[in-house]
C-alpha atoms as a PDB file:
ATOM      1  CA  MET A   1     -34.508  60.073 -27.054  1.00  0.00           C
ATOM      2  CA  THR A   2     -30.948  59.587 -26.190  1.00  0.00           C
ATOM      3  CA  LYS A   3     -28.558  62.103 -27.361  1.00  0.00           C
ATOM      4  CA  TYR A   4     -26.875  60.926 -30.597  1.00  0.00           C
ATOM      5  CA  ARG A   5     -23.844  62.521 -32.241  1.00  0.00           C
ATOM      6  CA  PRO A   6     -23.827  61.805 -35.981  1.00  0.00           C
ATOM      7  CA  GLN A   7     -20.862  60.376 -37.661  1.00  0.00           C
ATOM      8  CA  LEU A   8     -21.669  61.040 -41.142  1.00  0.00           C
ATOM      9  CA  LYS A   9     -19.145  61.254 -44.077  1.00  0.00           C
ATOM     10  CA  ILE A  10     -20.519  64.228 -46.261  1.00  0.00           C
ATOM     11  CA  MET A  11     -19.243  64.529 -49.760  1.00  0.00           C
ATOM     12  CA  HIS A  12     -18.880  68.092 -50.909  1.00  0.00           C
ATOM     13  CA  ARG A  13     -19.030  69.371 -54.612  1.00  0.00           C
ATOM     14  CA  LYS A  14     -18.405  73.144 -54.346  1.00  0.00           C
ATOM     15  CA  LYS A  15     -17.221  75.213 -51.290  1.00  0.00           C
ATOM     16  CA  ASN A  16     -16.432  73.236 -47.995  1.00  0.00           C
ATOM     17  CA  PRO A  17     -18.576  74.360 -45.284  1.00  0.00           C
ATOM     18  CA  SER A  18     -17.130  73.803 -42.081  1.00  0.00           C
ATOM     19  CA  GLU A  19     -17.555  70.321 -40.698  1.00  0.00           C
ATOM     20  CA  THR A  20     -18.795  71.764 -37.202  1.00  0.00           C
ATOM     21  CA  SER A  21     -21.447  73.749 -39.349  1.00  0.00           C
ATOM     22  CA  LEU A  22     -22.679  70.492 -41.101  1.00  0.00           C
ATOM     23  CA  THR A  23     -22.683  68.491 -37.618  1.00  0.00           C
ATOM     24  CA  HIS A  24     -24.846  71.003 -36.303  1.00  0.00           C
ATOM     25  CA  LEU A  25     -27.408  70.618 -39.319  1.00  0.00           C
ATOM     26  CA  LEU A  26     -27.377  66.953 -39.027  1.00  0.00           C
ATOM     27  CA  LYS A  27     -27.724  66.871 -35.197  1.00  0.00           C
ATOM     28  CA  GLY A  28     -31.359  65.772 -34.721  1.00  0.00           C
ATOM     29  CA  ASN A  29     -31.705  65.014 -38.041  1.00  0.00           C
ATOM     30  CA  THR A  30     -30.273  61.711 -38.909  1.00  0.00           C
ATOM     31  CA  SER A  31     -33.249  59.711 -37.846  1.00  0.00           C
ATOM     32  CA  VAL A  32     -35.214  61.475 -40.653  1.00  0.00           C
ATOM     33  CA  PHE A  33     -33.070  59.850 -43.217  1.00  0.00           C
ATOM     34  CA  VAL A  34     -33.697  56.448 -42.003  1.00  0.00           C
ATOM     35  CA  LEU A  35     -37.558  57.055 -41.319  1.00  0.00           C
ATOM     36  CA  SER A  36     -37.759  58.363 -45.063  1.00  0.00           C
ATOM     37  CA  ILE A  37     -36.237  55.229 -46.336  1.00  0.00           C
ATOM     38  CA  LEU A  38     -38.416  53.001 -44.371  1.00  0.00           C
ATOM     39  CA  LYS A  39     -41.544  54.801 -45.220  1.00  0.00           C
ATOM     40  CA  ASP A  40     -40.977  52.788 -48.306  1.00  0.00           C
ATOM     41  CA  GLY A  41     -41.320  49.414 -46.775  1.00  0.00           C
ATOM     42  CA  PRO A  42     -39.204  47.391 -44.453  1.00  0.00           C
ATOM     43  CA  ASN A  43     -35.405  46.960 -45.249  1.00  0.00           C
ATOM     44  CA  HIS A  44     -32.149  45.798 -43.729  1.00  0.00           C
ATOM     45  CA  GLY A  45     -29.285  48.165 -42.689  1.00  0.00           C
ATOM     46  CA  TYR A  46     -26.978  47.848 -45.588  1.00  0.00           C
ATOM     47  CA  ALA A  47     -29.850  48.715 -48.005  1.00  0.00           C
ATOM     48  CA  ILE A  48     -30.985  51.670 -45.992  1.00  0.00           C
ATOM     49  CA  ALA A  49     -27.452  53.178 -46.051  1.00  0.00           C
ATOM     50  CA  PHE A  50     -27.118  52.401 -49.750  1.00  0.00           C
ATOM     51  CA  GLU A  51     -30.417  54.092 -50.567  1.00  0.00           C
ATOM     52  CA  ILE A  52     -29.572  57.161 -48.353  1.00  0.00           C
ATOM     53  CA  GLY A  53     -26.331  57.499 -50.233  1.00  0.00           C
ATOM     54  CA  ARG A  54     -28.293  56.925 -53.507  1.00  0.00           C
ATOM     55  CA  ARG A  55     -30.964  59.533 -52.925  1.00  0.00           C
ATOM     56  CA  SER A  56     -28.303  62.196 -51.730  1.00  0.00           C
ATOM     57  CA  ASN A  57     -26.299  61.484 -54.926  1.00  0.00           C
ATOM     58  CA  GLN A  58     -23.597  60.228 -52.532  1.00  0.00           C
ATOM     59  CA  LYS A  59     -23.490  63.321 -50.385  1.00  0.00           C
ATOM     60  CA  LEU A  60     -24.195  61.341 -47.396  1.00  0.00           C
ATOM     61  CA  ASP A  61     -22.485  58.022 -46.669  1.00  0.00           C
ATOM     62  CA  PHE A  62     -23.855  55.990 -43.514  1.00  0.00           C
ATOM     63  CA  LYS A  63     -21.051  53.941 -42.262  1.00  0.00           C
ATOM     64  CA  GLN A  64     -22.174  50.805 -40.175  1.00  0.00           C
ATOM     65  CA  GLY A  65     -20.490  52.419 -37.039  1.00  0.00           C
ATOM     66  CA  THR A  66     -23.166  55.298 -37.307  1.00  0.00           C
ATOM     67  CA  LEU A  67     -26.061  53.232 -38.672  1.00  0.00           C
ATOM     68  CA  TYR A  68     -26.444  50.469 -36.366  1.00  0.00           C
ATOM     69  CA  PRO A  69     -26.103  52.268 -33.073  1.00  0.00           C
ATOM     70  CA  LEU A  70     -28.897  54.679 -34.624  1.00  0.00           C
ATOM     71  CA  LEU A  71     -31.024  51.877 -35.710  1.00  0.00           C
ATOM     72  CA  HIS A  72     -30.914  50.309 -32.164  1.00  0.00           C
ATOM     73  CA  GLU A  73     -31.447  53.752 -30.494  1.00  0.00           C
ATOM     74  CA  MET A  74     -34.619  54.309 -32.712  1.00  0.00           C
ATOM     75  CA  GLU A  75     -35.919  50.817 -32.130  1.00  0.00           C
ATOM     76  CA  LYS A  76     -35.600  51.420 -28.321  1.00  0.00           C
ATOM     77  CA  ASP A  77     -37.602  54.699 -28.873  1.00  0.00           C
ATOM     78  CA  GLY A  78     -40.379  52.961 -30.592  1.00  0.00           C
ATOM     79  CA  LEU A  79     -39.967  54.688 -33.896  1.00  0.00           C
ATOM     80  CA  ILE A  80     -38.927  51.483 -35.784  1.00  0.00           C
ATOM     81  CA  SER A  81     -39.189  47.640 -35.227  1.00  0.00           C
ATOM     82  CA  SER A  82     -37.220  44.801 -36.241  1.00  0.00           C
ATOM     83  CA  GLU A  83     -37.243  41.166 -36.831  1.00  0.00           C
ATOM     84  CA  TRP A  84     -34.693  38.660 -38.090  1.00  0.00           C
ATOM     85  CA  ASP A  85     -34.861  37.709 -41.784  1.00  0.00           C
ATOM     86  CA  GLU A  86     -33.899  34.027 -42.228  1.00  0.00           C
ATOM     87  CA  ALA A  87     -34.691  33.397 -45.833  1.00  0.00           C
ATOM     88  CA  GLU A  88     -33.196  30.292 -47.140  1.00  0.00           C
ATOM     89  CA  GLY A  89     -30.103  30.395 -49.165  1.00  0.00           C
ATOM     90  CA  ARG A  90     -29.194  33.815 -47.669  1.00  0.00           C
ATOM     91  CA  ARG A  91     -27.395  35.157 -44.859  1.00  0.00           C
ATOM     92  CA  ARG A  92     -29.318  36.146 -41.633  1.00  0.00           C
ATOM     93  CA  ARG A  93     -30.246  39.704 -41.552  1.00  0.00           C
ATOM     94  CA  ARG A  94     -32.261  42.155 -39.349  1.00  0.00           C
ATOM     95  CA  VAL A  95     -35.010  43.860 -41.177  1.00  0.00           C
ATOM     96  CA  TYR A  96     -36.223  47.270 -39.878  1.00  0.00           C
ATOM     97  CA  ALA A  97     -39.868  48.640 -40.557  1.00  0.00           C
ATOM     98  CA  LEU A  98     -41.441  51.899 -39.671  1.00  0.00           C
ATOM     99  CA  THR A  99     -43.969  52.126 -36.606  1.00  0.00           C
ATOM    100  CA  ASP A 100     -46.876  54.272 -36.436  1.00  0.00           C
ATOM    101  CA  LYS A 101     -44.834  56.377 -33.937  1.00  0.00           C
ATOM    102  CA  GLY A 102     -42.117  56.612 -36.517  1.00  0.00           C
ATOM    103  CA  ARG A 103     -44.331  57.749 -39.135  1.00  0.00           C
ATOM    104  CA  ARG A 104     -45.679  60.597 -36.893  1.00  0.00           C
ATOM    105  CA  GLU A 105     -42.324  61.438 -35.869  1.00  0.00           C
ATOM    106  CA  LEU A 106     -41.146  61.632 -39.648  1.00  0.00           C
ATOM    107  CA  GLU A 107     -44.152  63.752 -40.419  1.00  0.00           C
ATOM    108  CA  GLU A 108     -43.339  66.135 -37.527  1.00  0.00           C
ATOM    109  CA  LYS A 109     -39.791  66.401 -38.373  1.00  0.00           C
ATOM    110  CA  ILE A 110     -40.495  67.059 -42.214  1.00  0.00           C
ATOM    111  CA  ASP A 111     -43.025  69.749 -41.151  1.00  0.00           C
ATOM    112  CA  ALA A 112     -40.483  71.445 -39.099  1.00  0.00           C
ATOM    113  CA  TRP A 113     -37.746  71.235 -41.635  1.00  0.00           C
ATOM    114  CA  GLN A 114     -39.981  72.826 -44.256  1.00  0.00           C
ATOM    115  CA  LEU A 115     -40.796  75.615 -41.606  1.00  0.00           C
ATOM    116  CA  PHE A 116     -37.081  76.041 -40.973  1.00  0.00           C
ATOM    117  CA  ASN A 117     -36.061  76.021 -44.737  1.00  0.00           C
ATOM    118  CA  GLN A 118     -38.752  78.697 -45.457  1.00  0.00           C
ATOM    119  CA  ALA A 119     -37.564  80.896 -42.520  1.00  0.00           C
ATOM    120  CA  MET A 120     -33.993  80.595 -43.864  1.00  0.00           C
ATOM    121  CA  PHE A 121     -34.831  81.786 -47.262  1.00  0.00           C
ATOM    122  CA  GLU A 122     -36.957  84.549 -45.982  1.00  0.00           C
ATOM    123  CA  VAL A 123     -34.195  85.647 -43.613  1.00  0.00           C
ATOM    124  CA  THR A 124     -31.228  85.314 -46.212  1.00  0.00           C
ATOM    125  CA  GLY A 125     -32.983  85.412 -49.439  1.00  0.00           C
ATOM    126  CA  VAL A 126     -30.939  82.289 -50.695  1.00  0.00           C
ATOM    127  CA  GLU A 127     -33.154  79.526 -52.199  1.00  0.00           C
ATOM    128  CA  PRO A 128     -32.369  76.194 -51.769  1.00  0.00           C
ATOM    129  CA  SER A 129     -30.562  74.888 -54.859  1.00  0.00           C
ATOM    130  CA  ILE A 130     -31.019  71.321 -56.269  1.00  0.00           C
ATOM    131  CA  GLU A 131     -28.104  70.009 -57.835  1.00  0.00           C
ATOM    132  CA  ARG A 132     -28.719  67.382 -60.245  1.00  0.00           C
ATOM    133  CA  SER A 133     -25.857  64.820 -61.167  1.00  0.00           C
END
């Protein structure tokens, strides 16, 4: 997979962790957000970005300049596929779908993240907090 430097806008509610720290956490994980959305079914770019924002309570904001290069890279790597949706009465748009390879990649990344999360808790003693809006 080609190196991809995430350009996400991250909305903070409390302390502002350094942007460098967040960038390091996101590096290599941005595709997980897209794969997770597409796990629920095919969708177009704007809807993917909207759903990531919605599910993260607006903490993550994928901009077009970030999302579309990522989608193209993921398609090139065989994680997703796409086709043009030309439904009558609507603007033509590209719809993306998860491939079997993408599904396996998502499962592997989630397993790795869970292992990392558990190790982080065991070492620091800090449990992940879930903020509800």
